[in-house]
Each structure stands twice: as C-alpha cells, then as structure tokens.
Amino acid sequence: MTNNDTKALWTGMVPVDDTALYVTDTGGDGVPVIYCNGQFATLGYWKHVVAELGDGFRHINFDERARGKKSKTSADYSFEACVRDVDAVLAARGVTGPVIIAGWSYGAFVATTWAFRNPDRCIGVVPVDGAEPHDWLTDAMEARIRKLFKRLSPVTALLRPTGLTPKLSAAQQAECNIELGKISREANLGPVIDGLAVPTRYVLASGASFGSKGDEQEKIRAALDKYVARNPNVEISAKVASNHDLILKKDFKAVADAVRDVAAR
C-alpha cells in the first residue's frame, strides 16, 4: 500500500561536530528507514521512494554537510564524517532500535559501511547503484576528476543558492570523489561487502553515470558478482533500465520493493 501524501512530521537542524544538518522525519510506529544521499545530492532525490513506501515506514532523511539549502558547512567532508552523521541523526531523533539503511551512489558506500559496523542496529541495507568494490581510481582518472570539477565550477557556483549544488569548492568536490575512489578499492571495500551480516539488497542501474565514459560503469557493477556469490546475505534485488543518475526517479518502485524485502526479513 502506498501513500503519495507522506509528509515529514518533524523538520529541523541537528548539530554534529562543527556543523548542523537539515533533517526530516515522518515519525510514526513503522519500521524506520534512514536514507543516505548521493555525493552532492539532496534528500529530495528520495521523494518518490518515500511516497511509494508510504506511512507503513518511518522515513528519516537528511542533507549532508554543505548540501542543500540548509545544512551548514564544515571543516570535515570526509567519508568517515558522513558515516558519523548517520549516528548523529539517529541519536537526535531518538531512534534506539534497529533500522533499515538505504543509500544511493555515494550514499550506498555510507550505508553498507554503517551496516557492516553496526549489525546489531541494522535490519538490512539497500544499496542503490553504488558500493561495488572495484579499483577504478587510476592516476589518469584522478586527473580527469579534477579537470571535470574545475570545468563545472562556474555552473555549480551559479546554482549554489538554489541548493542544487553543494557549498563546496571545485577542489573540495574533486577531493571527495577521489577519496571515494580509494574507498572503492577491493582491498578496502571488499571486506565490508564480504562481512555484511544483515540482508543486503542491491538495486543496480544500467549504462553510464554523469562523468563516466563508455562501459566504465557496467564494468564496476559486474565486479559485484563475486561478492554476491560468496556472501549469502548479499543479493541483487533488481537490475533496472534507468541510468545511474535517474534511478531514484524512474525506478523508485524497484528500490521500494528492495526495502520491503528487507523489512519482511
């Protein structure tokens, strides 16, 4: 059953470290789901998934540091800070029981890492087109990332007041992306996926993502197969037609189905 009018009953700022995060929480007695966003995305990307799941769940969402219109800037934009922010948001909202954690793109890395570290607090995890261990970061790729964000900086600066682009410089955005490449390496992320002890249901996109070329993204997705084969907790719930950037908009039902599957277990 869905409820397309699902609304947050609480919105506000949650202090953490040297910053504050904009958080929404629908409340209620449903299974709590906390959503982790794409690297430079906002909580609005999840609106179709939230509406599809409806008020049978408690939806907790937040804009990461310097993302969106309201979350504040910080001296720390590291991956570890993002993982800590999940704990801060849950604590601020008084969530003490286990949750489902879902993450898209960069958020999938945050979600799987948090689930790996907190199996007793996690019902399950839904990674959406992210968190596939692969050594994609090369010296050439690092240079390409820096060049891309530098080239985009006039546009991102123009859009910043709307909240559509983060309050980070081109160099900061590039460093975040490069750090993710290091986290993605099989030596780093592989043990996390192998060690997931809770139901994990991947929803994978098809084709390219912003900034990728040719079949680069599909090769990264294929690297997940061996982890699925050897960890019975990890499954691919769906491989959908949408590309990376549109999956939460066009294939939100597949994502919602993965959340329901985890909740049923």
C-alpha atoms as a PDB file:
ATOM      1  CA  MET A   1       0.000   0.000   0.000  1.00  0.00           C
ATOM      2  CA  THR A   2       1.360   3.427  -0.857  1.00  0.00           C
ATOM      3  CA  ASN A   3       0.654   6.897   0.384  1.00  0.00           C
ATOM      4  CA  ASN A   4       1.609   9.609  -2.061  1.00  0.00           C
ATOM      5  CA  ASP A   5       0.938  12.272   0.582  1.00  0.00           C
ATOM      6  CA  THR A   6       3.583  11.062   3.028  1.00  0.00           C
ATOM      7  CA  LYS A   7       4.888  14.171   4.798  1.00  0.00           C
ATOM      8  CA  ALA A   8       7.598  14.820   7.342  1.00  0.00           C
ATOM      9  CA  LEU A   9       6.098  15.465  10.773  1.00  0.00           C
ATOM     10  CA  TRP A  10       9.378  16.910  12.051  1.00  0.00           C
ATOM     11  CA  THR A  11      11.925  19.057  10.268  1.00  0.00           C
ATOM     12  CA  GLY A  12      14.868  20.788  11.847  1.00  0.00           C
ATOM     13  CA  MET A  13      18.594  21.140  12.289  1.00  0.00           C
ATOM     14  CA  VAL A  14      20.725  18.505  14.021  1.00  0.00           C
ATOM     15  CA  PRO A  15      24.070  19.725  15.406  1.00  0.00           C
ATOM     16  CA  VAL A  16      27.053  17.440  14.794  1.00  0.00           C
ATOM     17  CA  ASP A  17      30.747  18.234  15.168  1.00  0.00           C
ATOM     18  CA  ASP A  18      31.292  21.764  13.814  1.00  0.00           C
ATOM     19  CA  THR A  19      28.158  21.861  11.661  1.00  0.00           C
ATOM     20  CA  ALA A  20      24.403  21.217  11.589  1.00  0.00           C
ATOM     21  CA  LEU A  21      22.374  19.029   9.249  1.00  0.00           C
ATOM     22  CA  TYR A  22      18.877  19.588   7.921  1.00  0.00           C
ATOM     23  CA  VAL A  23      16.776  16.540   8.864  1.00  0.00           C
ATOM     24  CA  THR A  24      13.234  15.393   8.122  1.00  0.00           C
ATOM     25  CA  ASP A  25      11.388  12.648   9.986  1.00  0.00           C
ATOM     26  CA  THR A  26       7.876  11.370   9.273  1.00  0.00           C
ATOM     27  CA  GLY A  27       7.656   9.761  12.714  1.00  0.00           C
ATOM     28  CA  GLY A  28       5.189   7.006  13.472  1.00  0.00           C
ATOM     29  CA  ASP A  29       5.484   3.398  14.541  1.00  0.00           C
ATOM     30  CA  GLY A  30       6.587   1.982  11.184  1.00  0.00           C
ATOM     31  CA  VAL A  31       9.945   0.388  10.511  1.00  0.00           C
ATOM     32  CA  PRO A  32      12.484   3.238  10.477  1.00  0.00           C
ATOM     33  CA  VAL A  33      14.344   3.782   7.212  1.00  0.00           C
ATOM     34  CA  ILE A  34      17.250   6.220   7.074  1.00  0.00           C
ATOM     35  CA  TYR A  35      18.336   7.438   3.650  1.00  0.00           C
ATOM     36  CA  CYS A  36      21.864   8.337   2.571  1.00  0.00           C
ATOM     37  CA  ASN A  37      22.192  10.637  -0.422  1.00  0.00           C
ATOM     38  CA  GLY A  38      24.427  10.824  -3.438  1.00  0.00           C
ATOM     39  CA  GLN A  39      27.732  12.601  -3.002  1.00  0.00           C
ATOM     40  CA  PHE A  40      26.418  16.043  -3.951  1.00  0.00           C
ATOM     41  CA  ALA A  41      22.679  15.303  -3.920  1.00  0.00           C
ATOM     42  CA  THR A  42      19.910  16.273  -1.509  1.00  0.00           C
ATOM     43  CA  LEU A  43      17.190  14.463   0.386  1.00  0.00           C
ATOM     44  CA  GLY A  44      14.651  15.408  -2.284  1.00  0.00           C
ATOM     45  CA  TYR A  45      16.062  12.703  -4.552  1.00  0.00           C
ATOM     46  CA  TRP A  46      14.315  10.105  -2.357  1.00  0.00           C
ATOM     47  CA  LYS A  47      10.821  11.620  -2.555  1.00  0.00           C
ATOM     48  CA  HIS A  48       9.449   9.026  -4.995  1.00  0.00           C
ATOM     49  CA  VAL A  49      10.750   6.121  -2.896  1.00  0.00           C
ATOM     50  CA  VAL A  50       9.291   7.654   0.266  1.00  0.00           C
ATOM     51  CA  ALA A  51       5.909   8.183  -1.397  1.00  0.00           C
ATOM     52  CA  GLU A  52       5.887   4.649  -2.786  1.00  0.00           C
ATOM     53  CA  LEU A  53       6.637   3.092   0.617  1.00  0.00           C
ATOM     54  CA  GLY A  54       4.127   5.347   2.344  1.00  0.00           C
ATOM     55  CA  ASP A  55       3.250   5.631   6.001  1.00  0.00           C
ATOM     56  CA  GLY A  56       3.912   1.999   6.821  1.00  0.00           C
ATOM     57  CA  PHE A  57       7.503   3.102   7.393  1.00  0.00           C
ATOM     58  CA  ARG A  58       9.159   5.873   9.362  1.00  0.00           C
ATOM     59  CA  HIS A  59      11.256   7.888   6.900  1.00  0.00           C
ATOM     60  CA  ILE A  60      14.317   9.729   8.219  1.00  0.00           C
ATOM     61  CA  ASN A  61      16.238  11.782   5.698  1.00  0.00           C
ATOM     62  CA  PHE A  62      18.910  14.448   5.843  1.00  0.00           C
ATOM     63  CA  ASP A  63      21.085  16.697   3.745  1.00  0.00           C
ATOM     64  CA  GLU A  64      24.766  16.010   4.302  1.00  0.00           C
ATOM     65  CA  ARG A  65      27.273  18.670   5.268  1.00  0.00           C
ATOM     66  CA  ALA A  66      27.105  21.685   2.914  1.00  0.00           C
ATOM     67  CA  ARG A  67      24.400  20.028   0.795  1.00  0.00           C
ATOM     68  CA  GLY A  68      21.007  21.504   0.073  1.00  0.00           C
ATOM     69  CA  LYS A  69      19.860  24.934   1.198  1.00  0.00           C
ATOM     70  CA  LYS A  70      20.021  24.454   4.968  1.00  0.00           C
ATOM     71  CA  SER A  71      22.802  22.086   6.052  1.00  0.00           C
ATOM     72  CA  LYS A  72      25.825  24.050   7.228  1.00  0.00           C
ATOM     73  CA  THR A  73      29.399  23.955   6.043  1.00  0.00           C
ATOM     74  CA  SER A  74      32.140  22.089   7.888  1.00  0.00           C
ATOM     75  CA  ALA A  75      35.894  21.694   8.114  1.00  0.00           C
ATOM     76  CA  ASP A  76      35.456  17.948   7.538  1.00  0.00           C
ATOM     77  CA  TYR A  77      33.870  16.497   4.382  1.00  0.00           C
ATOM     78  CA  SER A  78      35.474  13.093   4.726  1.00  0.00           C
ATOM     79  CA  PHE A  79      33.727   9.783   4.227  1.00  0.00           C
ATOM     80  CA  GLU A  80      34.159   8.981   7.916  1.00  0.00           C
ATOM     81  CA  ALA A  81      32.337  12.194   8.797  1.00  0.00           C
ATOM     82  CA  CYS A  82      29.417  11.062   6.621  1.00  0.00           C
ATOM     83  CA  VAL A  83      29.251   7.734   8.434  1.00  0.00           C
ATOM     84  CA  ARG A  84      29.316   9.532  11.812  1.00  0.00           C
ATOM     85  CA  ASP A  85      26.476  11.752  10.643  1.00  0.00           C
ATOM     86  CA  VAL A  86      24.189   8.702  10.362  1.00  0.00           C
ATOM     87  CA  ASP A  87      24.712   8.023  14.060  1.00  0.00           C
ATOM     88  CA  ALA A  88      24.192  11.682  14.938  1.00  0.00           C
ATOM     89  CA  VAL A  89      20.890  11.877  13.069  1.00  0.00           C
ATOM     90  CA  LEU A  90      19.550   8.651  14.582  1.00  0.00           C
ATOM     91  CA  ALA A  91      20.548   9.750  18.087  1.00  0.00           C
ATOM     92  CA  ALA A  92      18.970  13.168  17.628  1.00  0.00           C
ATOM     93  CA  ARG A  93      15.689  11.584  16.520  1.00  0.00           C
ATOM     94  CA  GLY A  94      15.704   9.163  19.444  1.00  0.00           C
ATOM     95  CA  VAL A  95      15.975   6.038  17.303  1.00  0.00           C
ATOM     96  CA  THR A  96      17.424   3.314  19.500  1.00  0.00           C
ATOM     97  CA  GLY A  97      16.115   0.198  17.763  1.00  0.00           C
ATOM     98  CA  PRO A  98      17.307  -1.350  14.508  1.00  0.00           C
ATOM     99  CA  VAL A  99      16.766   0.468  11.210  1.00  0.00           C
ATOM    100  CA  ILE A 100      16.863  -0.167   7.503  1.00  0.00           C
ATOM    101  CA  ILE A 101      19.519   1.951   5.849  1.00  0.00           C
ATOM    102  CA  ALA A 102      19.277   2.795   2.153  1.00  0.00           C
ATOM    103  CA  GLY A 103      21.815   4.695   0.104  1.00  0.00           C
ATOM    104  CA  TRP A 104      22.171   5.817  -3.482  1.00  0.00           C
ATOM    105  CA  SER A 105      25.534   6.261  -5.236  1.00  0.00           C
ATOM    106  CA  TYR A 106      27.937   7.704  -2.612  1.00  0.00           C
ATOM    107  CA  GLY A 107      25.249   7.030  -0.044  1.00  0.00           C
ATOM    108  CA  ALA A 108      25.416   3.314  -0.857  1.00  0.00           C
ATOM    109  CA  PHE A 109      29.016   3.302   0.383  1.00  0.00           C
ATOM    110  CA  VAL A 110      27.961   5.085   3.560  1.00  0.00           C
ATOM    111  CA  ALA A 111      25.026   2.712   4.070  1.00  0.00           C
ATOM    112  CA  THR A 112      26.993  -0.517   3.580  1.00  0.00           C
ATOM    113  CA  THR A 113      29.844   0.709   5.786  1.00  0.00           C
ATOM    114  CA  TRP A 114      27.442   1.695   8.552  1.00  0.00           C
ATOM    115  CA  ALA A 115      25.595  -1.635   8.278  1.00  0.00           C
ATOM    116  CA  PHE A 116      28.878  -3.554   8.382  1.00  0.00           C
ATOM    117  CA  ARG A 117      29.926  -1.750  11.555  1.00  0.00           C
ATOM    118  CA  ASN A 118      26.510  -1.892  13.238  1.00  0.00           C
ATOM    119  CA  PRO A 119      24.880  -5.272  12.501  1.00  0.00           C
ATOM    120  CA  ASP A 120      23.015  -5.227  15.815  1.00  0.00           C
ATOM    121  CA  ARG A 121      21.420  -1.884  14.934  1.00  0.00           C
ATOM    122  CA  CYS A 122      20.572  -2.740  11.345  1.00  0.00           C
ATOM    123  CA  ILE A 123      17.609  -4.677   9.945  1.00  0.00           C
ATOM    124  CA  GLY A 124      19.166  -4.583   6.486  1.00  0.00           C
ATOM    125  CA  VAL A 125      20.697  -2.372   3.837  1.00  0.00           C
ATOM    126  CA  VAL A 126      19.573  -1.320   0.349  1.00  0.00           C
ATOM    127  CA  PRO A 127      22.493  -0.016  -1.736  1.00  0.00           C
ATOM    128  CA  VAL A 128      21.282   1.690  -4.927  1.00  0.00           C
ATOM    129  CA  ASP A 129      23.842   1.674  -7.741  1.00  0.00           C
ATOM    130  CA  GLY A 130      26.854   2.094  -5.528  1.00  0.00           C
ATOM    131  CA  ALA A 131      29.216   0.245  -3.176  1.00  0.00           C
ATOM    132  CA  GLU A 132      30.641  -2.134  -5.790  1.00  0.00           C
ATOM    133  CA  PRO A 133      34.284  -2.922  -4.930  1.00  0.00           C
ATOM    134  CA  HIS A 134      36.469  -2.017  -7.895  1.00  0.00           C
ATOM    135  CA  ASP A 135      39.885  -0.448  -8.462  1.00  0.00           C
ATOM    136  CA  TRP A 136      38.642   2.255 -10.824  1.00  0.00           C
ATOM    137  CA  LEU A 137      40.755   5.082  -9.468  1.00  0.00           C
ATOM    138  CA  THR A 138      43.944   5.495 -11.505  1.00  0.00           C
ATOM    139  CA  ASP A 139      46.276   8.466 -11.851  1.00  0.00           C
ATOM    140  CA  ALA A 140      44.576   9.309 -15.136  1.00  0.00           C
ATOM    141  CA  MET A 141      41.131   9.097 -13.532  1.00  0.00           C
ATOM    142  CA  GLU A 142      42.236  11.330 -10.676  1.00  0.00           C
ATOM    143  CA  ALA A 143      43.379  13.970 -13.174  1.00  0.00           C
ATOM    144  CA  ARG A 144      40.098  13.604 -15.057  1.00  0.00           C
ATOM    145  CA  ILE A 145      38.092  14.171 -11.867  1.00  0.00           C
ATOM    146  CA  ARG A 146      39.982  17.338 -11.009  1.00  0.00           C
ATOM    147  CA  LYS A 147      39.537  18.665 -14.532  1.00  0.00           C
ATOM    148  CA  LEU A 148      35.799  17.886 -14.551  1.00  0.00           C
ATOM    149  CA  PHE A 149      35.002  19.721 -11.331  1.00  0.00           C
ATOM    150  CA  LYS A 150      37.147  22.686 -12.311  1.00  0.00           C
ATOM    151  CA  ARG A 151      35.312  22.911 -15.633  1.00  0.00           C
ATOM    152  CA  LEU A 152      31.924  22.722 -13.875  1.00  0.00           C
ATOM    153  CA  SER A 153      32.744  25.288 -11.187  1.00  0.00           C
ATOM    154  CA  PRO A 154      31.067  28.307 -12.905  1.00  0.00           C
ATOM    155  CA  VAL A 155      27.796  26.379 -13.224  1.00  0.00           C
ATOM    156  CA  THR A 156      27.890  24.894  -9.718  1.00  0.00           C
ATOM    157  CA  ALA A 157      28.605  28.332  -8.231  1.00  0.00           C
ATOM    158  CA  LEU A 158      25.631  29.786 -10.096  1.00  0.00           C
ATOM    159  CA  LEU A 159      23.281  27.052  -8.834  1.00  0.00           C
ATOM    160  CA  ARG A 160      24.576  27.011  -5.263  1.00  0.00           C
ATOM    161  CA  PRO A 161      21.938  29.391  -3.817  1.00  0.00           C
ATOM    162  CA  THR A 162      19.192  27.026  -5.036  1.00  0.00           C
ATOM    163  CA  GLY A 163      20.620  24.106  -3.061  1.00  0.00           C
ATOM    164  CA  LEU A 164      21.023  22.033  -6.230  1.00  0.00           C
ATOM    165  CA  THR A 165      24.810  22.104  -5.958  1.00  0.00           C
ATOM    166  CA  PRO A 166      26.854  21.825  -2.758  1.00  0.00           C
ATOM    167  CA  LYS A 167      28.522  24.616  -0.843  1.00  0.00           C
ATOM    168  CA  LEU A 168      31.923  23.118  -1.655  1.00  0.00           C
ATOM    169  CA  SER A 169      34.647  24.423  -3.920  1.00  0.00           C
ATOM    170  CA  ALA A 170      35.634  22.571  -7.088  1.00  0.00           C
ATOM    171  CA  ALA A 171      38.760  21.332  -5.328  1.00  0.00           C
ATOM    172  CA  GLN A 172      36.766  20.060  -2.343  1.00  0.00           C
ATOM    173  CA  GLN A 173      34.313  18.232  -4.603  1.00  0.00           C
ATOM    174  CA  ALA A 174      37.177  16.634  -6.500  1.00  0.00           C
ATOM    175  CA  GLU A 175      38.848  15.508  -3.276  1.00  0.00           C
ATOM    176  CA  CYS A 176      35.614  13.915  -2.067  1.00  0.00           C
ATOM    177  CA  ASN A 177      35.320  11.994  -5.330  1.00  0.00           C
ATOM    178  CA  ILE A 178      38.957  10.912  -5.259  1.00  0.00           C
ATOM    179  CA  GLU A 179      38.613   9.740  -1.653  1.00  0.00           C
ATOM    180  CA  LEU A 180      35.627   7.653  -2.762  1.00  0.00           C
ATOM    181  CA  GLY A 181      37.794   6.033  -5.434  1.00  0.00           C
ATOM    182  CA  LYS A 182      40.213   4.952  -2.723  1.00  0.00           C
ATOM    183  CA  ILE A 183      37.404   3.632  -0.532  1.00  0.00           C
ATOM    184  CA  SER A 184      36.040   1.712  -3.544  1.00  0.00           C
ATOM    185  CA  ARG A 185      39.192  -0.347  -3.956  1.00  0.00           C
ATOM    186  CA  GLU A 186      38.711  -4.057  -3.462  1.00  0.00           C
ATOM    187  CA  ALA A 187      41.238  -4.087  -0.637  1.00  0.00           C
ATOM    188  CA  ASN A 188      39.141  -1.542   1.259  1.00  0.00           C
ATOM    189  CA  LEU A 189      35.501  -2.099   0.309  1.00  0.00           C
ATOM    190  CA  GLY A 190      35.744  -5.835  -0.435  1.00  0.00           C
ATOM    191  CA  PRO A 191      35.994  -6.896   3.226  1.00  0.00           C
ATOM    192  CA  VAL A 192      32.993  -4.679   4.036  1.00  0.00           C
ATOM    193  CA  ILE A 193      30.741  -6.374   1.457  1.00  0.00           C
ATOM    194  CA  ASP A 194      32.083  -9.820   2.363  1.00  0.00           C
ATOM    195  CA  GLY A 195      31.404  -9.070   6.023  1.00  0.00           C
ATOM    196  CA  LEU A 196      27.828  -7.800   5.760  1.00  0.00           C
ATOM    197  CA  ALA A 197      25.834  -9.847   8.263  1.00  0.00           C
ATOM    198  CA  VAL A 198      22.387  -8.396   7.516  1.00  0.00           C
ATOM    199  CA  PRO A 199      20.094  -8.764   4.474  1.00  0.00           C
ATOM    200  CA  THR A 200      21.559  -6.621   1.699  1.00  0.00           C
ATOM    201  CA  ARG A 201      19.552  -5.981  -1.461  1.00  0.00           C
ATOM    202  CA  TYR A 202      21.296  -4.111  -4.268  1.00  0.00           C
ATOM    203  CA  VAL A 203      19.330  -2.256  -6.931  1.00  0.00           C
ATOM    204  CA  LEU A 204      21.568  -1.622  -9.933  1.00  0.00           C
ATOM    205  CA  ALA A 205      21.123   0.790 -12.810  1.00  0.00           C
ATOM    206  CA  SER A 206      22.254   0.328 -16.400  1.00  0.00           C
ATOM    207  CA  GLY A 207      24.519   2.365 -18.626  1.00  0.00           C
ATOM    208  CA  ALA A 208      26.537   5.413 -17.734  1.00  0.00           C
ATOM    209  CA  SER A 209      26.611   7.943 -14.921  1.00  0.00           C
ATOM    210  CA  PHE A 210      27.493  11.621 -15.043  1.00  0.00           C
ATOM    211  CA  GLY A 211      31.193  11.879 -15.824  1.00  0.00           C
ATOM    212  CA  SER A 212      31.650   8.246 -16.855  1.00  0.00           C
ATOM    213  CA  LYS A 213      32.505   7.057 -20.346  1.00  0.00           C
ATOM    214  CA  GLY A 214      31.530   4.026 -22.404  1.00  0.00           C
ATOM    215  CA  ASP A 215      31.042   0.873 -20.357  1.00  0.00           C
ATOM    216  CA  GLU A 216      33.061   2.033 -17.333  1.00  0.00           C
ATOM    217  CA  GLN A 217      30.044   1.918 -15.048  1.00  0.00           C
ATOM    218  CA  GLU A 218      28.908  -1.514 -16.206  1.00  0.00           C
ATOM    219  CA  LYS A 219      32.369  -2.959 -15.526  1.00  0.00           C
ATOM    220  CA  ILE A 220      32.198  -1.604 -11.988  1.00  0.00           C
ATOM    221  CA  ARG A 221      28.748  -3.140 -11.449  1.00  0.00           C
ATOM    222  CA  ALA A 222      29.934  -6.526 -12.764  1.00  0.00           C
ATOM    223  CA  ALA A 223      32.635  -6.602 -10.099  1.00  0.00           C
ATOM    224  CA  LEU A 224      29.894  -7.128  -7.514  1.00  0.00           C
ATOM    225  CA  ASP A 225      29.035 -10.605  -8.820  1.00  0.00           C
ATOM    226  CA  LYS A 226      31.719 -12.474  -6.927  1.00  0.00           C
ATOM    227  CA  TYR A 227      30.675 -10.878  -3.637  1.00  0.00           C
ATOM    228  CA  VAL A 228      27.081 -11.915  -4.214  1.00  0.00           C
ATOM    229  CA  ALA A 229      28.280 -15.442  -4.928  1.00  0.00           C
ATOM    230  CA  ARG A 230      30.160 -15.813  -1.668  1.00  0.00           C
ATOM    231  CA  ASN A 231      28.053 -13.864   0.858  1.00  0.00           C
ATOM    232  CA  PRO A 232      24.529 -15.313   1.205  1.00  0.00           C
ATOM    233  CA  ASN A 233      23.307 -12.093   2.820  1.00  0.00           C
ATOM    234  CA  VAL A 234      24.048 -10.095  -0.331  1.00  0.00           C
ATOM    235  CA  GLU A 235      21.681 -10.256  -3.304  1.00  0.00           C
ATOM    236  CA  ILE A 236      20.935  -8.184  -6.379  1.00  0.00           C
ATOM    237  CA  SER A 237      17.265  -7.350  -5.988  1.00  0.00           C
ATOM    238  CA  ALA A 238      16.915  -5.736  -9.422  1.00  0.00           C
ATOM    239  CA  LYS A 239      18.869  -4.531 -12.436  1.00  0.00           C
ATOM    240  CA  VAL A 240      16.784  -1.749 -13.955  1.00  0.00           C
ATOM    241  CA  ALA A 241      16.789   0.154 -17.234  1.00  0.00           C
ATOM    242  CA  SER A 242      17.413   3.594 -15.742  1.00  0.00           C
ATOM    243  CA  ASN A 243      20.913   5.008 -15.763  1.00  0.00           C
ATOM    244  CA  HIS A 244      22.737   5.905 -12.559  1.00  0.00           C
ATOM    245  CA  ASP A 245      21.525   9.485 -12.386  1.00  0.00           C
ATOM    246  CA  LEU A 246      17.806   8.772 -12.905  1.00  0.00           C
ATOM    247  CA  ILE A 247      17.307   5.532 -10.989  1.00  0.00           C
ATOM    248  CA  LEU A 248      15.583   7.087  -7.960  1.00  0.00           C
ATOM    249  CA  LYS A 249      13.236   8.998 -10.243  1.00  0.00           C
ATOM    250  CA  LYS A 250      12.356   6.360 -12.833  1.00  0.00           C
ATOM    251  CA  ASP A 251      12.795   3.062 -10.985  1.00  0.00           C
ATOM    252  CA  PHE A 252      11.758   4.059  -7.478  1.00  0.00           C
ATOM    253  CA  LYS A 253       9.371   1.087  -7.313  1.00  0.00           C
ATOM    254  CA  ALA A 254      12.274  -1.354  -7.599  1.00  0.00           C
ATOM    255  CA  VAL A 255      14.043   0.467  -4.763  1.00  0.00           C
ATOM    256  CA  ALA A 256      10.892   0.429  -2.630  1.00  0.00           C
ATOM    257  CA  ASP A 257      10.463  -3.298  -3.311  1.00  0.00           C
ATOM    258  CA  ALA A 258      14.014  -3.926  -2.052  1.00  0.00           C
ATOM    259  CA  VAL A 259      13.233  -2.011   1.147  1.00  0.00           C
ATOM    260  CA  ARG A 260      10.053  -4.053   1.633  1.00  0.00           C
ATOM    261  CA  ASP A 261      12.001  -7.270   1.069  1.00  0.00           C
ATOM    262  CA  VAL A 262      14.493  -6.329   3.768  1.00  0.00           C
ATOM    263  CA  ALA A 263      11.705  -5.309   6.143  1.00  0.00           C
ATOM    264  CA  ALA A 264       9.930  -8.640   5.640  1.00  0.00           C
ATOM    265  CA  ARG A 265      13.034 -10.458   6.844  1.00  0.00           C
END
